[in-house]
Amino acid sequence: MTTHPQKPLQVGSRPIVPGIPNPTCPVLLEAKNVLDTTQDLHRMIRKLRRSTQRCPTCPEHLECPTMVYFAHAVDTAIREVRQEWGLDKE
């Protein structure tokens, strides 16, 4: 099976890439902003995951209120995005 690489978002013949001035199309501008923010979020989540490696030594490890809250908040956010974009196949 042949896989085709994803084409970058673009305005006309100009692709959206980091460091190039923002495009004039408002949809592509917002898409670029989301992609930029996603990269920051990915870095922050990796940092959080590394910090949770200390959790097994914590006395509240099994019922940590912070991790329970965080897991619930992430689950809620993902569910809301799936519903807004019509990605749920119910």
N, C-alpha and C. Protein backbone atom coordinates (compact mmCIF):
# COMPACT_ATOMS: atom_id res chain seq x y z
N MET A 1 0.83 -1.17 0.00
CA MET A 1 0.00 0.00 0.00
C MET A 1 0.89 1.24 0.00
N THR A 2 0.63 2.14 -0.90
CA THR A 2 1.43 3.36 -1.00
C THR A 2 0.82 4.44 -0.13
N THR A 3 1.65 5.05 0.69
CA THR A 3 1.16 6.17 1.49
C THR A 3 1.68 7.45 0.90
N HIS A 4 0.81 8.43 0.84
CA HIS A 4 1.18 9.73 0.30
C HIS A 4 1.42 10.69 1.45
N PRO A 5 2.52 11.43 1.42
CA PRO A 5 2.77 12.38 2.50
C PRO A 5 1.69 13.46 2.50
N GLN A 6 1.35 13.93 3.71
CA GLN A 6 0.36 14.98 3.83
C GLN A 6 0.88 16.27 3.23
N LYS A 7 0.05 16.93 2.45
CA LYS A 7 0.43 18.22 1.89
C LYS A 7 0.27 19.28 2.96
N PRO A 8 1.16 20.24 3.02
CA PRO A 8 1.01 21.31 4.02
C PRO A 8 -0.15 22.22 3.65
N LEU A 9 -0.72 22.87 4.68
CA LEU A 9 -1.74 23.87 4.42
C LEU A 9 -1.11 24.98 3.59
N GLN A 10 -1.88 25.59 2.71
CA GLN A 10 -1.29 26.64 1.91
C GLN A 10 -2.32 27.67 1.46
N VAL A 11 -1.82 28.84 1.14
CA VAL A 11 -2.61 29.92 0.55
C VAL A 11 -2.14 30.02 -0.88
N GLY A 12 -3.02 29.70 -1.82
CA GLY A 12 -2.60 29.68 -3.22
C GLY A 12 -1.49 28.67 -3.38
N SER A 13 -0.35 29.13 -3.88
CA SER A 13 0.77 28.22 -4.06
C SER A 13 1.78 28.33 -2.92
N ARG A 14 1.47 29.16 -1.89
CA ARG A 14 2.40 29.37 -0.78
C ARG A 14 2.03 28.51 0.43
N PRO A 15 2.85 27.51 0.80
CA PRO A 15 2.54 26.68 1.96
C PRO A 15 2.70 27.45 3.26
N ILE A 16 1.95 27.01 4.28
CA ILE A 16 2.09 27.60 5.60
C ILE A 16 3.19 26.84 6.32
N VAL A 17 4.25 27.51 6.63
CA VAL A 17 5.35 26.89 7.37
C VAL A 17 5.78 27.83 8.48
N PRO A 18 6.32 27.27 9.57
CA PRO A 18 6.76 28.12 10.66
C PRO A 18 7.79 29.14 10.18
N GLY A 19 7.67 30.36 10.66
CA GLY A 19 8.63 31.40 10.34
C GLY A 19 8.27 32.24 9.13
N ILE A 20 7.29 31.80 8.34
CA ILE A 20 6.87 32.58 7.18
C ILE A 20 5.68 33.43 7.62
N PRO A 21 5.58 34.67 7.16
CA PRO A 21 4.47 35.52 7.57
C PRO A 21 3.11 34.84 7.38
N ASN A 22 2.17 35.23 8.24
CA ASN A 22 0.84 34.62 8.22
C ASN A 22 0.13 34.82 6.89
N PRO A 23 -0.67 33.83 6.50
CA PRO A 23 -1.43 33.94 5.26
C PRO A 23 -2.59 34.92 5.42
N THR A 24 -3.21 35.31 4.31
CA THR A 24 -4.32 36.24 4.38
C THR A 24 -5.65 35.55 4.59
N CYS A 25 -5.77 34.27 4.28
CA CYS A 25 -7.01 33.53 4.46
C CYS A 25 -7.26 33.32 5.96
N PRO A 26 -8.41 33.77 6.50
CA PRO A 26 -8.64 33.64 7.94
C PRO A 26 -8.74 32.19 8.42
N VAL A 27 -9.24 31.30 7.57
CA VAL A 27 -9.33 29.89 7.98
C VAL A 27 -7.93 29.30 8.09
N LEU A 28 -7.09 29.56 7.11
CA LEU A 28 -5.73 29.03 7.16
C LEU A 28 -4.92 29.67 8.28
N LEU A 29 -5.19 30.93 8.56
CA LEU A 29 -4.51 31.60 9.68
C LEU A 29 -4.87 30.90 10.99
N GLU A 30 -6.16 30.63 11.19
CA GLU A 30 -6.58 29.94 12.41
C GLU A 30 -6.01 28.53 12.46
N ALA A 31 -5.98 27.84 11.32
CA ALA A 31 -5.40 26.49 11.27
C ALA A 31 -3.93 26.54 11.67
N LYS A 32 -3.21 27.53 11.18
CA LYS A 32 -1.80 27.67 11.54
C LYS A 32 -1.64 27.93 13.03
N ASN A 33 -2.51 28.77 13.58
CA ASN A 33 -2.46 29.05 15.03
C ASN A 33 -2.70 27.78 15.84
N VAL A 34 -3.66 26.97 15.40
CA VAL A 34 -3.94 25.71 16.10
C VAL A 34 -2.73 24.79 16.02
N LEU A 35 -2.13 24.67 14.84
CA LEU A 35 -0.96 23.80 14.70
C LEU A 35 0.20 24.29 15.56
N ASP A 36 0.41 25.59 15.61
CA ASP A 36 1.48 26.14 16.45
C ASP A 36 1.21 25.84 17.93
N THR A 37 -0.04 26.02 18.35
CA THR A 37 -0.41 25.77 19.74
C THR A 37 -0.29 24.29 20.07
N THR A 38 -0.61 23.43 19.12
CA THR A 38 -0.51 21.99 19.33
C THR A 38 0.93 21.59 19.64
N GLN A 39 1.88 22.20 18.95
CA GLN A 39 3.29 21.89 19.23
C GLN A 39 3.66 22.26 20.66
N ASP A 40 3.20 23.43 21.12
CA ASP A 40 3.46 23.85 22.50
C ASP A 40 2.81 22.89 23.49
N LEU A 41 1.56 22.50 23.21
CA LEU A 41 0.85 21.58 24.09
C LEU A 41 1.57 20.24 24.16
N HIS A 42 2.04 19.76 23.03
CA HIS A 42 2.76 18.48 23.01
C HIS A 42 3.99 18.53 23.91
N ARG A 43 4.75 19.62 23.82
CA ARG A 43 5.94 19.77 24.67
C ARG A 43 5.54 19.81 26.15
N MET A 44 4.49 20.52 26.48
CA MET A 44 4.06 20.65 27.87
C MET A 44 3.56 19.31 28.42
N ILE A 45 2.87 18.53 27.61
CA ILE A 45 2.38 17.23 28.06
C ILE A 45 3.55 16.27 28.28
N ARG A 46 4.56 16.31 27.41
CA ARG A 46 5.75 15.47 27.63
C ARG A 46 6.43 15.84 28.94
N LYS A 47 6.51 17.13 29.22
CA LYS A 47 7.12 17.59 30.47
C LYS A 47 6.31 17.11 31.67
N LEU A 48 4.98 17.18 31.57
CA LEU A 48 4.12 16.69 32.64
C LEU A 48 4.31 15.19 32.85
N ARG A 49 4.38 14.44 31.75
CA ARG A 49 4.57 12.99 31.86
C ARG A 49 5.88 12.66 32.57
N ARG A 50 6.93 13.40 32.25
CA ARG A 50 8.22 13.17 32.93
C ARG A 50 8.10 13.46 34.42
N SER A 51 7.37 14.51 34.77
CA SER A 51 7.25 14.85 36.18
C SER A 51 6.41 13.83 36.95
N THR A 52 5.50 13.15 36.27
CA THR A 52 4.68 12.14 36.95
C THR A 52 5.46 10.85 37.23
N GLN A 53 6.67 10.74 36.74
CA GLN A 53 7.48 9.56 37.04
C GLN A 53 7.82 9.49 38.53
N ARG A 54 7.67 10.62 39.23
CA ARG A 54 7.91 10.63 40.68
C ARG A 54 6.68 10.19 41.45
N CYS A 55 5.53 10.07 40.79
CA CYS A 55 4.28 9.75 41.47
C CYS A 55 4.28 8.45 42.27
N PRO A 56 4.90 7.37 41.80
CA PRO A 56 4.84 6.12 42.58
C PRO A 56 5.38 6.24 44.00
N THR A 57 6.21 7.23 44.26
CA THR A 57 6.75 7.40 45.61
C THR A 57 5.85 8.28 46.49
N CYS A 58 4.81 8.83 45.91
CA CYS A 58 3.90 9.72 46.64
C CYS A 58 2.89 8.89 47.44
N PRO A 59 2.60 9.28 48.68
CA PRO A 59 1.63 8.53 49.47
C PRO A 59 0.21 8.56 48.88
N GLU A 60 -0.12 9.56 48.09
CA GLU A 60 -1.45 9.66 47.50
C GLU A 60 -1.50 9.09 46.08
N HIS A 61 -0.49 8.36 45.70
CA HIS A 61 -0.35 7.88 44.32
C HIS A 61 -1.60 7.23 43.75
N LEU A 62 -2.23 6.33 44.48
CA LEU A 62 -3.36 5.58 43.93
C LEU A 62 -4.63 6.41 43.79
N GLU A 63 -4.78 7.42 44.63
CA GLU A 63 -5.99 8.26 44.57
C GLU A 63 -5.62 9.73 44.54
N CYS A 64 -4.66 10.09 43.74
CA CYS A 64 -4.17 11.46 43.66
C CYS A 64 -5.27 12.39 43.13
N PRO A 65 -5.71 13.37 43.92
CA PRO A 65 -6.77 14.26 43.44
C PRO A 65 -6.34 15.10 42.24
N THR A 66 -5.09 15.45 42.16
CA THR A 66 -4.60 16.25 41.03
C THR A 66 -4.68 15.45 39.74
N MET A 67 -4.20 14.23 39.76
CA MET A 67 -4.22 13.40 38.55
C MET A 67 -5.65 13.01 38.16
N VAL A 68 -6.51 12.78 39.15
CA VAL A 68 -7.92 12.47 38.85
C VAL A 68 -8.56 13.67 38.17
N TYR A 69 -8.32 14.87 38.70
CA TYR A 69 -8.88 16.08 38.11
C TYR A 69 -8.34 16.28 36.69
N PHE A 70 -7.03 16.14 36.51
CA PHE A 70 -6.41 16.34 35.21
C PHE A 70 -6.95 15.35 34.19
N ALA A 71 -7.04 14.08 34.56
CA ALA A 71 -7.54 13.06 33.64
C ALA A 71 -8.99 13.37 33.25
N HIS A 72 -9.80 13.80 34.20
CA HIS A 72 -11.19 14.16 33.91
C HIS A 72 -11.25 15.36 32.97
N ALA A 73 -10.43 16.38 33.22
CA ALA A 73 -10.43 17.59 32.39
C ALA A 73 -10.01 17.26 30.95
N VAL A 74 -9.00 16.42 30.77
CA VAL A 74 -8.54 16.03 29.43
C VAL A 74 -9.63 15.24 28.72
N ASP A 75 -10.24 14.30 29.43
CA ASP A 75 -11.31 13.50 28.84
C ASP A 75 -12.48 14.39 28.39
N THR A 76 -12.85 15.35 29.22
CA THR A 76 -13.94 16.27 28.88
C THR A 76 -13.58 17.11 27.66
N ALA A 77 -12.37 17.63 27.61
CA ALA A 77 -11.94 18.47 26.49
C ALA A 77 -11.95 17.68 25.18
N ILE A 78 -11.45 16.45 25.21
CA ILE A 78 -11.44 15.62 24.00
C ILE A 78 -12.86 15.32 23.55
N ARG A 79 -13.73 14.99 24.49
CA ARG A 79 -15.13 14.70 24.15
C ARG A 79 -15.80 15.92 23.51
N GLU A 80 -15.56 17.11 24.06
CA GLU A 80 -16.16 18.33 23.52
C GLU A 80 -15.67 18.62 22.10
N VAL A 81 -14.38 18.44 21.86
CA VAL A 81 -13.83 18.67 20.52
C VAL A 81 -14.43 17.67 19.53
N ARG A 82 -14.52 16.41 19.93
CA ARG A 82 -15.09 15.38 19.04
C ARG A 82 -16.54 15.72 18.69
N GLN A 83 -17.31 16.19 19.67
CA GLN A 83 -18.71 16.55 19.42
C GLN A 83 -18.80 17.78 18.52
N GLU A 84 -17.99 18.81 18.78
CA GLU A 84 -18.03 20.04 17.98
C GLU A 84 -17.69 19.78 16.52
N TRP A 85 -16.76 18.87 16.27
CA TRP A 85 -16.32 18.59 14.90
C TRP A 85 -17.10 17.45 14.27
N GLY A 86 -18.08 16.89 15.00
CA GLY A 86 -18.89 15.81 14.44
C GLY A 86 -18.12 14.53 14.21
N LEU A 87 -17.15 14.25 15.08
CA LEU A 87 -16.32 13.06 14.90
C LEU A 87 -16.88 11.81 15.59
N ASP A 88 -17.89 12.00 16.44
CA ASP A 88 -18.50 10.86 17.11
C ASP A 88 -19.41 10.13 16.14
N LYS A 89 -19.26 8.85 16.04
CA LYS A 89 -20.07 8.01 15.13
C LYS A 89 -21.11 7.25 15.93
N GLU A 90 -22.00 7.96 16.59
CA GLU A 90 -23.03 7.32 17.40
C GLU A 90 -24.31 7.17 16.66
